Amino acid sequence: MPYWQPYWWRLSFRADGEPGWAALGPGEFSRVPNDALKNGSLEAWADALLEEAPGELDDLRGDLRLECFPEPGAEPVYSREVRLSGRR
């Protein structure tokens, strides 16, 4: 049986012209759904989440960062940023 490990994630947003990142979502960390990791990799789940983000967050203009962690407070094992261009 393959080894399975839970992961946590958080989204941060930096609006155009702002120096810092602000957390998005209900809390600092959220757990990656178990079903997402049952048959796929953490990277595949994260990439799919970020592909949907520009459409879901079409009112924001700036940078969106997704970070994934083996436990809250640890160093991220995955991090990626995407650009949000806001409504046209």
PDB file of N, CA and C in Angstrom:
ATOM      1  N   MET A   1       0.844  -1.185   0.000  1.00  0.00           N
ATOM      2  CA  MET A   1       0.000   0.000   0.000  1.00  0.00           C
ATOM      3  C   MET A   1       0.889   1.248   0.000  1.00  0.00           C
ATOM      4  N   PRO A   2       0.637   2.211  -0.889  1.00  0.00           N
ATOM      5  CA  PRO A   2       1.487   3.395  -0.958  1.00  0.00           C
ATOM      6  C   PRO A   2       1.298   4.294   0.266  1.00  0.00           C
ATOM      7  N   TYR A   3       2.357   4.993   0.593  1.00  0.00           N
ATOM      8  CA  TYR A   3       2.335   5.933   1.708  1.00  0.00           C
ATOM      9  C   TYR A   3       1.544   7.176   1.313  1.00  0.00           C
ATOM     10  N   TRP A   4       0.692   7.629   2.205  1.00  0.00           N
ATOM     11  CA  TRP A   4      -0.111   8.829   1.955  1.00  0.00           C
ATOM     12  C   TRP A   4       0.155   9.825   3.067  1.00  0.00           C
ATOM     13  N   GLN A   5       0.304  11.081   2.705  1.00  0.00           N
ATOM     14  CA  GLN A   5       0.578  12.128   3.681  1.00  0.00           C
ATOM     15  C   GLN A   5      -0.406  13.271   3.481  1.00  0.00           C
ATOM     16  N   PRO A   6      -0.984  13.806   4.553  1.00  0.00           N
ATOM     17  CA  PRO A   6      -1.852  14.966   4.417  1.00  0.00           C
ATOM     18  C   PRO A   6      -1.024  16.226   4.155  1.00  0.00           C
ATOM     19  N   TYR A   7      -1.646  17.193   3.489  1.00  0.00           N
ATOM     20  CA  TYR A   7      -1.014  18.486   3.230  1.00  0.00           C
ATOM     21  C   TYR A   7      -1.990  19.602   3.562  1.00  0.00           C
ATOM     22  N   TRP A   8      -1.440  20.764   3.839  1.00  0.00           N
ATOM     23  CA  TRP A   8      -2.222  21.971   4.064  1.00  0.00           C
ATOM     24  C   TRP A   8      -1.824  22.993   3.018  1.00  0.00           C
ATOM     25  N   TRP A   9      -2.721  23.939   2.773  1.00  0.00           N
ATOM     26  CA  TRP A   9      -2.449  24.956   1.759  1.00  0.00           C
ATOM     27  C   TRP A   9      -2.976  26.303   2.227  1.00  0.00           C
ATOM     28  N   ARG A  10      -2.461  27.367   1.586  1.00  0.00           N
ATOM     29  CA  ARG A  10      -2.984  28.707   1.811  1.00  0.00           C
ATOM     30  C   ARG A  10      -2.805  29.523   0.540  1.00  0.00           C
ATOM     31  N   LEU A  11      -3.730  30.435   0.361  1.00  0.00           N
ATOM     32  CA  LEU A  11      -3.682  31.380  -0.751  1.00  0.00           C
ATOM     33  C   LEU A  11      -3.367  32.757  -0.191  1.00  0.00           C
ATOM     34  N   SER A  12      -2.520  33.482  -0.896  1.00  0.00           N
ATOM     35  CA  SER A  12      -2.201  34.862  -0.559  1.00  0.00           C
ATOM     36  C   SER A  12      -2.358  35.707  -1.810  1.00  0.00           C
ATOM     37  N   PHE A  13      -2.699  36.970  -1.603  1.00  0.00           N
ATOM     38  CA  PHE A  13      -2.907  37.893  -2.719  1.00  0.00           C
ATOM     39  C   PHE A  13      -2.126  39.172  -2.464  1.00  0.00           C
ATOM     40  N   ARG A  14      -1.486  39.677  -3.522  1.00  0.00           N
ATOM     41  CA  ARG A  14      -0.811  40.971  -3.476  1.00  0.00           C
ATOM     42  C   ARG A  14      -1.391  41.824  -4.589  1.00  0.00           C
ATOM     43  N   ALA A  15      -2.149  42.834  -4.198  1.00  0.00           N
ATOM     44  CA  ALA A  15      -2.776  43.719  -5.172  1.00  0.00           C
ATOM     45  C   ALA A  15      -1.714  44.568  -5.868  1.00  0.00           C
ATOM     46  N   ASP A  16      -1.988  44.924  -7.100  1.00  0.00           N
ATOM     47  CA  ASP A  16      -1.087  45.809  -7.829  1.00  0.00           C
ATOM     48  C   ASP A  16      -0.807  47.062  -7.010  1.00  0.00           C
ATOM     49  N   GLY A  17       0.446  47.422  -6.912  1.00  0.00           N
ATOM     50  CA  GLY A  17       0.835  48.617  -6.187  1.00  0.00           C
ATOM     51  C   GLY A  17       1.001  48.441  -4.697  1.00  0.00           C
ATOM     52  N   GLU A  18       0.685  47.252  -4.174  1.00  0.00           N
ATOM     53  CA  GLU A  18       0.811  46.990  -2.735  1.00  0.00           C
ATOM     54  C   GLU A  18       2.095  46.206  -2.466  1.00  0.00           C
ATOM     55  N   PRO A  19       2.773  46.499  -1.360  1.00  0.00           N
ATOM     56  CA  PRO A  19       4.043  45.824  -1.089  1.00  0.00           C
ATOM     57  C   PRO A  19       3.915  44.423  -0.496  1.00  0.00           C
ATOM     58  N   GLY A  20       2.844  44.148   0.236  1.00  0.00           N
ATOM     59  CA  GLY A  20       2.768  42.886   0.966  1.00  0.00           C
ATOM     60  C   GLY A  20       1.671  41.958   0.490  1.00  0.00           C
ATOM     61  N   TRP A  21       1.737  40.734   0.991  1.00  0.00           N
ATOM     62  CA  TRP A  21       0.766  39.687   0.694  1.00  0.00           C
ATOM     63  C   TRP A  21      -0.271  39.626   1.800  1.00  0.00           C
ATOM     64  N   ALA A  22      -1.526  39.391   1.422  1.00  0.00           N
ATOM     65  CA  ALA A  22      -2.624  39.225   2.372  1.00  0.00           C
ATOM     66  C   ALA A  22      -3.239  37.844   2.158  1.00  0.00           C
ATOM     67  N   ALA A  23      -3.573  37.168   3.255  1.00  0.00           N
ATOM     68  CA  ALA A  23      -4.190  35.842   3.164  1.00  0.00           C
ATOM     69  C   ALA A  23      -5.578  35.951   2.549  1.00  0.00           C
ATOM     70  N   LEU A  24      -5.921  34.993   1.702  1.00  0.00           N
ATOM     71  CA  LEU A  24      -7.262  34.870   1.131  1.00  0.00           C
ATOM     72  C   LEU A  24      -7.915  33.635   1.721  1.00  0.00           C
ATOM     73  N   GLY A  25      -9.199  33.683   1.918  1.00  0.00           N
ATOM     74  CA  GLY A  25      -9.920  32.509   2.403  1.00  0.00           C
ATOM     75  C   GLY A  25     -10.297  32.625   3.860  1.00  0.00           C
ATOM     76  N   PRO A  26     -10.914  31.554   4.369  1.00  0.00           N
ATOM     77  CA  PRO A  26     -11.468  31.587   5.718  1.00  0.00           C
ATOM     78  C   PRO A  26     -10.431  31.542   6.837  1.00  0.00           C
ATOM     79  N   GLY A  27      -9.267  31.029   6.572  1.00  0.00           N
ATOM     80  CA  GLY A  27      -8.265  30.911   7.624  1.00  0.00           C
ATOM     81  C   GLY A  27      -6.870  30.904   7.051  1.00  0.00           C
ATOM     82  N   GLU A  28      -5.900  30.854   7.926  1.00  0.00           N
ATOM     83  CA  GLU A  28      -4.501  30.854   7.506  1.00  0.00           C
ATOM     84  C   GLU A  28      -4.179  29.606   6.669  1.00  0.00           C
ATOM     85  N   PHE A  29      -4.578  28.423   7.153  1.00  0.00           N
ATOM     86  CA  PHE A  29      -4.287  27.174   6.450  1.00  0.00           C
ATOM     87  C   PHE A  29      -5.572  26.374   6.261  1.00  0.00           C
ATOM     88  N   SER A  30      -5.657  25.687   5.133  1.00  0.00           N
ATOM     89  CA  SER A  30      -6.757  24.761   4.860  1.00  0.00           C
ATOM     90  C   SER A  30      -6.133  23.421   4.486  1.00  0.00           C
ATOM     91  N   ARG A  31      -6.839  22.363   4.799  1.00  0.00           N
ATOM     92  CA  ARG A  31      -6.322  21.031   4.474  1.00  0.00           C
ATOM     93  C   ARG A  31      -6.665  20.679   3.036  1.00  0.00           C
ATOM     94  N   VAL A  32      -5.693  20.127   2.330  1.00  0.00           N
ATOM     95  CA  VAL A  32      -5.935  19.629   0.975  1.00  0.00           C
ATOM     96  C   VAL A  32      -6.911  18.465   1.095  1.00  0.00           C
ATOM     97  N   PRO A  33      -7.989  18.455   0.300  1.00  0.00           N
ATOM     98  CA  PRO A  33      -8.966  17.363   0.400  1.00  0.00           C
ATOM     99  C   PRO A  33      -8.325  15.986   0.192  1.00  0.00           C
ATOM    100  N   ASN A  34      -8.676  15.051   1.057  1.00  0.00           N
ATOM    101  CA  ASN A  34      -8.130  13.697   0.964  1.00  0.00           C
ATOM    102  C   ASN A  34      -8.375  13.085  -0.414  1.00  0.00           C
ATOM    103  N   ASP A  35      -9.575  13.289  -0.969  1.00  0.00           N
ATOM    104  CA  ASP A  35      -9.899  12.713  -2.276  1.00  0.00           C
ATOM    105  C   ASP A  35      -8.981  13.232  -3.374  1.00  0.00           C
ATOM    106  N   ALA A  36      -8.495  14.455  -3.234  1.00  0.00           N
ATOM    107  CA  ALA A  36      -7.607  15.025  -4.250  1.00  0.00           C
ATOM    108  C   ALA A  36      -6.268  14.301  -4.278  1.00  0.00           C
ATOM    109  N   LEU A  37      -5.860  13.770  -3.140  1.00  0.00           N
ATOM    110  CA  LEU A  37      -4.553  13.109  -3.051  1.00  0.00           C
ATOM    111  C   LEU A  37      -4.641  11.595  -3.205  1.00  0.00           C
ATOM    112  N   LYS A  38      -5.867  11.076  -3.205  1.00  0.00           N
ATOM    113  CA  LYS A  38      -6.048   9.620  -3.292  1.00  0.00           C
ATOM    114  C   LYS A  38      -5.494   9.064  -4.597  1.00  0.00           C
ATOM    115  N   ASN A  39      -5.770   9.744  -5.709  1.00  0.00           N
ATOM    116  CA  ASN A  39      -5.353   9.241  -7.019  1.00  0.00           C
ATOM    117  C   ASN A  39      -4.498  10.221  -7.801  1.00  0.00           C
ATOM    118  N   GLY A  40      -4.056  11.294  -7.152  1.00  0.00           N
ATOM    119  CA  GLY A  40      -3.262  12.280  -7.866  1.00  0.00           C
ATOM    120  C   GLY A  40      -2.210  12.890  -6.965  1.00  0.00           C
ATOM    121  N   SER A  41      -1.358  13.662  -7.582  1.00  0.00           N
ATOM    122  CA  SER A  41      -0.276  14.291  -6.837  1.00  0.00           C
ATOM    123  C   SER A  41      -0.717  15.635  -6.263  1.00  0.00           C
ATOM    124  N   LEU A  42       0.021  16.104  -5.308  1.00  0.00           N
ATOM    125  CA  LEU A  42      -0.212  17.428  -4.735  1.00  0.00           C
ATOM    126  C   LEU A  42      -0.085  18.494  -5.824  1.00  0.00           C
ATOM    127  N   GLU A  43       0.902  18.354  -6.684  1.00  0.00           N
ATOM    128  CA  GLU A  43       1.125  19.326  -7.745  1.00  0.00           C
ATOM    129  C   GLU A  43      -0.047  19.370  -8.725  1.00  0.00           C
ATOM    130  N   ALA A  44      -0.618  18.220  -9.060  1.00  0.00           N
ATOM    131  CA  ALA A  44      -1.758  18.178  -9.973  1.00  0.00           C
ATOM    132  C   ALA A  44      -2.965  18.873  -9.354  1.00  0.00           C
ATOM    133  N   TRP A  45      -3.213  18.640  -8.062  1.00  0.00           N
ATOM    134  CA  TRP A  45      -4.317  19.309  -7.377  1.00  0.00           C
ATOM    135  C   TRP A  45      -4.095  20.820  -7.357  1.00  0.00           C
ATOM    136  N   ALA A  46      -2.880  21.244  -6.998  1.00  0.00           N
ATOM    137  CA  ALA A  46      -2.564  22.669  -6.911  1.00  0.00           C
ATOM    138  C   ALA A  46      -2.685  23.348  -8.274  1.00  0.00           C
ATOM    139  N   ASP A  47      -2.177  22.712  -9.320  1.00  0.00           N
ATOM    140  CA  ASP A  47      -2.261  23.288 -10.665  1.00  0.00           C
ATOM    141  C   ASP A  47      -3.715  23.449 -11.104  1.00  0.00           C
ATOM    142  N   ALA A  48      -4.557  22.465 -10.796  1.00  0.00           N
ATOM    143  CA  ALA A  48      -5.979  22.558 -11.155  1.00  0.00           C
ATOM    144  C   ALA A  48      -6.655  23.699 -10.398  1.00  0.00           C
ATOM    145  N   LEU A  49      -6.327  23.861  -9.124  1.00  0.00           N
ATOM    146  CA  LEU A  49      -6.892  24.957  -8.333  1.00  0.00           C
ATOM    147  C   LEU A  49      -6.496  26.307  -8.928  1.00  0.00           C
ATOM    148  N   LEU A  50      -5.241  26.447  -9.302  1.00  0.00           N
ATOM    149  CA  LEU A  50      -4.767  27.715  -9.856  1.00  0.00           C
ATOM    150  C   LEU A  50      -5.310  27.988 -11.261  1.00  0.00           C
ATOM    151  N   GLU A  51      -5.612  26.950 -12.003  1.00  0.00           N
ATOM    152  CA  GLU A  51      -6.211  27.150 -13.324  1.00  0.00           C
ATOM    153  C   GLU A  51      -7.606  27.767 -13.210  1.00  0.00           C
ATOM    154  N   GLU A  52      -8.342  27.437 -12.145  1.00  0.00           N
ATOM    155  CA  GLU A  52      -9.685  27.972 -11.934  1.00  0.00           C
ATOM    156  C   GLU A  52      -9.670  29.369 -11.323  1.00  0.00           C
ATOM    157  N   ALA A  53      -8.592  29.734 -10.660  1.00  0.00           N
ATOM    158  CA  ALA A  53      -8.537  30.976  -9.885  1.00  0.00           C
ATOM    159  C   ALA A  53      -8.835  32.239 -10.699  1.00  0.00           C
ATOM    160  N   PRO A  54      -8.254  32.434 -11.876  1.00  0.00           N
ATOM    161  CA  PRO A  54      -8.539  33.684 -12.597  1.00  0.00           C
ATOM    162  C   PRO A  54     -10.025  33.875 -12.904  1.00  0.00           C
ATOM    163  N   GLY A  55     -10.753  32.827 -13.180  1.00  0.00           N
ATOM    164  CA  GLY A  55     -12.183  32.940 -13.436  1.00  0.00           C
ATOM    165  C   GLY A  55     -12.987  33.183 -12.173  1.00  0.00           C
ATOM    166  N   GLU A  56     -12.564  32.566 -11.070  1.00  0.00           N
ATOM    167  CA  GLU A  56     -13.263  32.717  -9.790  1.00  0.00           C
ATOM    168  C   GLU A  56     -12.977  34.064  -9.134  1.00  0.00           C
ATOM    169  N   LEU A  57     -11.807  34.596  -9.364  1.00  0.00           N
ATOM    170  CA  LEU A  57     -11.374  35.834  -8.713  1.00  0.00           C
ATOM    171  C   LEU A  57     -11.222  36.959  -9.742  1.00  0.00           C
ATOM    172  N   ASP A  58     -12.192  37.050 -10.648  1.00  0.00           N
ATOM    173  CA  ASP A  58     -12.072  37.992 -11.763  1.00  0.00           C
ATOM    174  C   ASP A  58     -12.187  39.451 -11.361  1.00  0.00           C
ATOM    175  N   ASP A  59     -12.485  39.719 -10.092  1.00  0.00           N
ATOM    176  CA  ASP A  59     -12.561  41.109  -9.634  1.00  0.00           C
ATOM    177  C   ASP A  59     -11.244  41.583  -9.011  1.00  0.00           C
ATOM    178  N   LEU A  60     -10.239  40.716  -8.941  1.00  0.00           N
ATOM    179  CA  LEU A  60      -8.954  41.068  -8.348  1.00  0.00           C
ATOM    180  C   LEU A  60      -7.895  41.291  -9.415  1.00  0.00           C
ATOM    181  N   ARG A  61      -7.038  42.255  -9.146  1.00  0.00           N
ATOM    182  CA  ARG A  61      -5.929  42.544 -10.058  1.00  0.00           C
ATOM    183  C   ARG A  61      -4.637  42.534  -9.243  1.00  0.00           C
ATOM    184  N   GLY A  62      -3.771  41.586  -9.551  1.00  0.00           N
ATOM    185  CA  GLY A  62      -2.506  41.452  -8.836  1.00  0.00           C
ATOM    186  C   GLY A  62      -1.989  40.031  -8.959  1.00  0.00           C
ATOM    187  N   ASP A  63      -1.248  39.597  -7.960  1.00  0.00           N
ATOM    188  CA  ASP A  63      -0.630  38.274  -7.966  1.00  0.00           C
ATOM    189  C   ASP A  63      -1.264  37.385  -6.901  1.00  0.00           C
ATOM    190  N   LEU A  64      -1.473  36.130  -7.266  1.00  0.00           N
ATOM    191  CA  LEU A  64      -2.033  35.128  -6.366  1.00  0.00           C
ATOM    192  C   LEU A  64      -0.964  34.071  -6.128  1.00  0.00           C
ATOM    193  N   ARG A  65      -0.740  33.732  -4.870  1.00  0.00           N
ATOM    194  CA  ARG A  65       0.268  32.723  -4.519  1.00  0.00           C
ATOM    195  C   ARG A  65      -0.412  31.577  -3.782  1.00  0.00           C
ATOM    196  N   LEU A  66      -0.134  30.364  -4.229  1.00  0.00           N
ATOM    197  CA  LEU A  66      -0.581  29.154  -3.546  1.00  0.00           C
ATOM    198  C   LEU A  66       0.651  28.477  -2.971  1.00  0.00           C
ATOM    199  N   GLU A  67       0.580  28.155  -1.676  1.00  0.00           N
ATOM    200  CA  GLU A  67       1.653  27.427  -1.016  1.00  0.00           C
ATOM    201  C   GLU A  67       1.059  26.193  -0.358  1.00  0.00           C
ATOM    202  N   CYS A  68       1.781  25.076  -0.441  1.00  0.00           N
ATOM    203  CA  CYS A  68       1.356  23.820   0.173  1.00  0.00           C
ATOM    204  C   CYS A  68       2.421  23.376   1.166  1.00  0.00           C
ATOM    205  N   PHE A  69       1.954  22.834   2.299  1.00  0.00           N
ATOM    206  CA  PHE A  69       2.825  22.508   3.419  1.00  0.00           C
ATOM    207  C   PHE A  69       2.541  21.094   3.931  1.00  0.00           C
ATOM    208  N   PRO A  70       3.577  20.400   4.455  1.00  0.00           N
ATOM    209  CA  PRO A  70       3.337  19.099   5.075  1.00  0.00           C
ATOM    210  C   PRO A  70       2.610  19.246   6.406  1.00  0.00           C
ATOM    211  N   GLU A  71       2.727  20.416   7.032  1.00  0.00           N
ATOM    212  CA  GLU A  71       1.987  20.749   8.250  1.00  0.00           C
ATOM    213  C   GLU A  71       2.009  22.262   8.395  1.00  0.00           C
ATOM    214  N   PRO A  72       0.998  22.835   9.038  1.00  0.00           N
ATOM    215  CA  PRO A  72       0.965  24.284   9.210  1.00  0.00           C
ATOM    216  C   PRO A  72       2.231  24.783   9.914  1.00  0.00           C
ATOM    217  N   GLY A  73       2.811  25.836   9.372  1.00  0.00           N
ATOM    218  CA  GLY A  73       4.008  26.431   9.952  1.00  0.00           C
ATOM    219  C   GLY A  73       5.316  25.894   9.411  1.00  0.00           C
ATOM    220  N   ALA A  74       5.266  24.795   8.663  1.00  0.00           N
ATOM    221  CA  ALA A  74       6.477  24.232   8.067  1.00  0.00           C
ATOM    222  C   ALA A  74       6.832  25.025   6.804  1.00  0.00           C
ATOM    223  N   GLU A  75       7.988  24.757   6.266  1.00  0.00           N
ATOM    224  CA  GLU A  75       8.385  25.343   4.993  1.00  0.00           C
ATOM    225  C   GLU A  75       7.508  24.752   3.887  1.00  0.00           C
ATOM    226  N   PRO A  76       7.118  25.566   2.901  1.00  0.00           N
ATOM    227  CA  PRO A  76       6.287  25.016   1.822  1.00  0.00           C
ATOM    228  C   PRO A  76       7.048  23.988   0.990  1.00  0.00           C
ATOM    229  N   VAL A  77       6.313  22.951   0.578  1.00  0.00           N
ATOM    230  CA  VAL A  77       6.884  21.936  -0.315  1.00  0.00           C
ATOM    231  C   VAL A  77       6.502  22.223  -1.762  1.00  0.00           C
ATOM    232  N   TYR A  78       5.571  23.149  -1.947  1.00  0.00           N
ATOM    233  CA  TYR A  78       5.131  23.555  -3.283  1.00  0.00           C
ATOM    234  C   TYR A  78       4.683  25.008  -3.194  1.00  0.00           C
ATOM    235  N   SER A  79       5.080  25.808  -4.158  1.00  0.00           N
ATOM    236  CA  SER A  79       4.663  27.200  -4.205  1.00  0.00           C
ATOM    237  C   SER A  79       4.601  27.636  -5.669  1.00  0.00           C
ATOM    238  N   ARG A  80       3.532  28.358  -5.991  1.00  0.00           N
ATOM    239  CA  ARG A  80       3.377  28.840  -7.361  1.00  0.00           C
ATOM    240  C   ARG A  80       2.557  30.120  -7.343  1.00  0.00           C
ATOM    241  N   GLU A  81       2.884  31.040  -8.238  1.00  0.00           N
ATOM    242  CA  GLU A  81       2.155  32.299  -8.358  1.00  0.00           C
ATOM    243  C   GLU A  81       1.518  32.388  -9.740  1.00  0.00           C
ATOM    244  N   VAL A  82       0.340  33.010  -9.776  1.00  0.00           N
ATOM    245  CA  VAL A  82      -0.329  33.304 -11.044  1.00  0.00           C
ATOM    246  C   VAL A  82      -0.747  34.758 -11.026  1.00  0.00           C
ATOM    247  N   ARG A  83      -0.909  35.307 -12.190  1.00  0.00           N
ATOM    248  CA  ARG A  83      -1.314  36.700 -12.345  1.00  0.00           C
ATOM    249  C   ARG A  83      -2.824  36.775 -12.505  1.00  0.00           C
ATOM    250  N   LEU A  84      -3.453  37.670 -11.750  1.00  0.00           N
ATOM    251  CA  LEU A  84      -4.883  37.945 -11.881  1.00  0.00           C
ATOM    252  C   LEU A  84      -5.013  39.307 -12.530  1.00  0.00           C
ATOM    253  N   SER A  85      -5.711  39.356 -13.655  1.00  0.00           N
ATOM    254  CA  SER A  85      -5.768  40.605 -14.426  1.00  0.00           C
ATOM    255  C   SER A  85      -7.021  41.438 -14.162  1.00  0.00           C
ATOM    256  N   GLY A  86      -7.920  40.954 -13.312  1.00  0.00           N
ATOM    257  CA  GLY A  86      -9.118  41.717 -13.005  1.00  0.00           C
ATOM    258  C   GLY A  86     -10.108  41.724 -14.156  1.00  0.00           C
ATOM    259  N   ARG A  87     -11.260  42.336 -13.907  1.00  0.00           N
ATOM    260  CA  ARG A  87     -12.294  42.416 -14.953  1.00  0.00           C
ATOM    261  C   ARG A  87     -11.849  43.292 -16.081  1.00  0.00           C
ATOM    262  N   ARG A  88     -12.295  42.936 -17.229  1.00  0.00           N
ATOM    263  CA  ARG A  88     -11.969  43.741 -18.419  1.00  0.00           C
ATOM    264  C   ARG A  88     -13.163  44.587 -18.785  1.00  0.00           C
TER     265      ARG A  88
END
